[in-house]
Amino acid sequence: MNTIACTPASVPTPIPVRELLPWVVFAGLLLLLTLYFVGTEGGAASMISGMNVHEFLHDARHLLGFPCH
């Protein structure tokens, strides 16, 4: 009986932390910015006048449990 041995075509290489760290920081900042707009924009600490941002994110507020009215 013949046995066939399979060798992997390529070996995955690990990504160095030095290359991954800027992307993790960028994603964290985007997350904090999103959390700000969903959580507090349109309230007492509003940076943008009017209720446009509040109304645009209204359902996301309720989904995440933020009270808004």
N, C-alpha and C. Protein backbone atom coordinates (compact mmCIF):
# COMPACT_ATOMS: atom_id res chain seq x y z
N MET A 1 0.83 -1.16 0.00
CA MET A 1 0.00 0.00 0.00
C MET A 1 0.88 1.23 0.00
N ASN A 2 0.54 2.18 -0.82
CA ASN A 2 1.32 3.41 -0.92
C ASN A 2 0.80 4.43 0.09
N THR A 3 1.71 5.15 0.70
CA THR A 3 1.34 6.25 1.58
C THR A 3 1.81 7.56 0.95
N ILE A 4 0.94 8.52 0.99
CA ILE A 4 1.25 9.82 0.42
C ILE A 4 1.39 10.81 1.57
N ALA A 5 2.53 11.44 1.62
CA ALA A 5 2.79 12.44 2.66
C ALA A 5 2.56 13.82 2.08
N CYS A 6 1.76 14.59 2.77
CA CYS A 6 1.49 15.96 2.32
C CYS A 6 2.37 16.92 3.10
N THR A 7 3.01 17.78 2.39
CA THR A 7 3.79 18.82 3.04
C THR A 7 3.06 20.15 2.85
N PRO A 8 3.05 21.00 3.86
CA PRO A 8 2.34 22.27 3.72
C PRO A 8 2.98 23.14 2.64
N ALA A 9 2.15 23.81 1.88
CA ALA A 9 2.66 24.67 0.80
C ALA A 9 3.37 25.89 1.36
N SER A 10 2.86 26.42 2.44
CA SER A 10 3.52 27.57 3.07
C SER A 10 3.34 27.49 4.57
N VAL A 11 4.28 28.04 5.26
CA VAL A 11 4.24 28.04 6.72
C VAL A 11 3.85 29.46 7.16
N PRO A 12 2.80 29.59 7.98
CA PRO A 12 2.40 30.93 8.42
C PRO A 12 3.49 31.56 9.30
N THR A 13 3.73 32.83 9.09
CA THR A 13 4.71 33.54 9.90
C THR A 13 3.97 34.44 10.89
N PRO A 14 4.45 34.50 12.11
CA PRO A 14 3.78 35.35 13.10
C PRO A 14 3.98 36.83 12.78
N ILE A 15 2.98 37.63 13.13
CA ILE A 15 3.07 39.08 12.93
C ILE A 15 3.73 39.68 14.17
N PRO A 16 4.79 40.44 13.99
CA PRO A 16 5.44 41.05 15.15
C PRO A 16 4.53 42.08 15.83
N VAL A 17 4.62 42.17 17.13
CA VAL A 17 3.80 43.09 17.91
C VAL A 17 4.09 44.53 17.48
N ARG A 18 5.31 44.83 17.10
CA ARG A 18 5.68 46.17 16.68
C ARG A 18 4.89 46.61 15.45
N GLU A 19 4.56 45.69 14.58
CA GLU A 19 3.76 46.02 13.40
C GLU A 19 2.26 46.04 13.71
N LEU A 20 1.83 45.31 14.69
CA LEU A 20 0.41 45.20 15.03
C LEU A 20 -0.05 46.32 15.95
N LEU A 21 0.83 46.84 16.77
CA LEU A 21 0.47 47.83 17.78
C LEU A 21 -0.17 49.10 17.21
N PRO A 22 0.33 49.71 16.14
CA PRO A 22 -0.35 50.91 15.63
C PRO A 22 -1.80 50.65 15.20
N TRP A 23 -2.08 49.48 14.65
CA TRP A 23 -3.44 49.16 14.24
C TRP A 23 -4.35 48.94 15.44
N VAL A 24 -3.81 48.38 16.49
CA VAL A 24 -4.60 48.18 17.72
C VAL A 24 -4.93 49.53 18.35
N VAL A 25 -3.96 50.44 18.37
CA VAL A 25 -4.20 51.78 18.91
C VAL A 25 -5.23 52.52 18.06
N PHE A 26 -5.11 52.43 16.74
CA PHE A 26 -6.06 53.07 15.83
C PHE A 26 -7.47 52.52 16.03
N ALA A 27 -7.62 51.21 16.15
CA ALA A 27 -8.92 50.60 16.37
C ALA A 27 -9.49 51.02 17.72
N GLY A 28 -8.64 51.13 18.73
CA GLY A 28 -9.10 51.58 20.05
C GLY A 28 -9.61 53.01 20.02
N LEU A 29 -8.91 53.88 19.29
CA LEU A 29 -9.37 55.26 19.17
C LEU A 29 -10.69 55.35 18.42
N LEU A 30 -10.84 54.56 17.36
CA LEU A 30 -12.12 54.53 16.65
C LEU A 30 -13.24 54.03 17.54
N LEU A 31 -12.95 53.04 18.37
CA LEU A 31 -13.95 52.52 19.29
C LEU A 31 -14.37 53.58 20.31
N LEU A 32 -13.40 54.31 20.85
CA LEU A 32 -13.73 55.37 21.80
C LEU A 32 -14.51 56.50 21.14
N LEU A 33 -14.17 56.86 19.92
CA LEU A 33 -14.91 57.90 19.21
C LEU A 33 -16.34 57.45 18.94
N THR A 34 -16.52 56.21 18.54
CA THR A 34 -17.86 55.67 18.32
C THR A 34 -18.66 55.64 19.63
N LEU A 35 -18.01 55.23 20.69
CA LEU A 35 -18.69 55.20 21.99
C LEU A 35 -19.10 56.59 22.43
N TYR A 36 -18.27 57.60 22.15
CA TYR A 36 -18.64 58.98 22.49
C TYR A 36 -19.88 59.40 21.71
N PHE A 37 -19.87 59.19 20.40
CA PHE A 37 -21.00 59.65 19.60
C PHE A 37 -22.29 58.92 19.95
N VAL A 38 -22.20 57.62 20.23
CA VAL A 38 -23.40 56.89 20.59
C VAL A 38 -23.84 57.24 22.00
N GLY A 39 -22.89 57.43 22.90
CA GLY A 39 -23.24 57.61 24.30
C GLY A 39 -23.57 59.01 24.74
N THR A 40 -22.83 60.01 24.27
CA THR A 40 -23.02 61.33 24.85
C THR A 40 -23.34 62.43 23.86
N GLU A 41 -23.09 62.25 22.59
CA GLU A 41 -23.34 63.33 21.64
C GLU A 41 -24.83 63.62 21.56
N GLY A 42 -25.16 64.87 21.61
CA GLY A 42 -26.55 65.30 21.60
C GLY A 42 -27.07 65.57 23.00
N GLY A 43 -26.25 65.34 23.99
CA GLY A 43 -26.67 65.59 25.36
C GLY A 43 -26.06 66.87 25.90
N ALA A 44 -25.80 66.91 27.19
CA ALA A 44 -25.27 68.11 27.83
C ALA A 44 -23.84 68.41 27.39
N ALA A 45 -23.06 67.40 27.02
CA ALA A 45 -21.67 67.58 26.63
C ALA A 45 -21.51 67.56 25.12
N SER A 46 -22.49 68.03 24.40
CA SER A 46 -22.49 67.97 22.94
C SER A 46 -21.44 68.89 22.34
N MET A 47 -20.69 68.38 21.36
CA MET A 47 -19.72 69.19 20.63
C MET A 47 -20.33 69.73 19.34
N ILE A 48 -21.36 69.08 18.83
CA ILE A 48 -22.00 69.47 17.58
C ILE A 48 -23.39 69.98 17.91
N SER A 49 -23.72 71.20 17.43
CA SER A 49 -25.03 71.75 17.75
C SER A 49 -26.11 71.06 16.93
N GLY A 50 -27.31 71.09 17.45
CA GLY A 50 -28.43 70.45 16.77
C GLY A 50 -28.62 69.01 17.22
N MET A 51 -29.64 68.39 16.69
CA MET A 51 -29.99 67.02 17.10
C MET A 51 -29.76 66.00 15.98
N ASN A 52 -29.05 66.40 14.93
CA ASN A 52 -28.87 65.49 13.80
C ASN A 52 -28.11 64.22 14.18
N VAL A 53 -27.01 64.38 14.91
CA VAL A 53 -26.22 63.21 15.31
C VAL A 53 -27.03 62.35 16.27
N HIS A 54 -27.74 62.98 17.19
CA HIS A 54 -28.56 62.24 18.15
C HIS A 54 -29.61 61.40 17.43
N GLU A 55 -30.30 61.99 16.49
CA GLU A 55 -31.34 61.25 15.78
C GLU A 55 -30.77 60.16 14.90
N PHE A 56 -29.60 60.39 14.32
CA PHE A 56 -28.96 59.38 13.48
C PHE A 56 -28.56 58.15 14.30
N LEU A 57 -28.14 58.37 15.53
CA LEU A 57 -27.66 57.27 16.38
C LEU A 57 -28.69 56.85 17.43
N HIS A 58 -29.93 57.28 17.29
CA HIS A 58 -30.94 57.05 18.31
C HIS A 58 -31.16 55.56 18.61
N ASP A 59 -31.32 54.74 17.59
CA ASP A 59 -31.57 53.31 17.83
C ASP A 59 -30.34 52.62 18.41
N ALA A 60 -29.15 53.06 18.03
CA ALA A 60 -27.93 52.47 18.59
C ALA A 60 -27.84 52.77 20.08
N ARG A 61 -28.29 53.94 20.49
CA ARG A 61 -28.29 54.25 21.91
C ARG A 61 -29.16 53.27 22.70
N HIS A 62 -30.37 53.04 22.19
CA HIS A 62 -31.26 52.13 22.89
C HIS A 62 -30.74 50.69 22.85
N LEU A 63 -30.14 50.30 21.74
CA LEU A 63 -29.58 48.95 21.64
C LEU A 63 -28.49 48.73 22.66
N LEU A 64 -27.65 49.74 22.89
CA LEU A 64 -26.54 49.62 23.84
C LEU A 64 -26.92 49.99 25.27
N GLY A 65 -28.17 50.41 25.48
CA GLY A 65 -28.64 50.67 26.83
C GLY A 65 -28.39 52.08 27.34
N PHE A 66 -28.08 53.03 26.45
CA PHE A 66 -27.90 54.42 26.86
C PHE A 66 -29.26 55.10 26.92
N PRO A 67 -29.59 55.74 28.03
CA PRO A 67 -30.83 56.50 28.07
C PRO A 67 -30.69 57.81 27.31
N CYS A 68 -31.70 58.19 26.58
CA CYS A 68 -31.60 59.45 25.84
C CYS A 68 -32.88 60.26 25.89
N HIS A 69 -33.92 59.77 26.50
CA HIS A 69 -35.11 60.58 26.67
C HIS A 69 -35.96 60.03 27.78
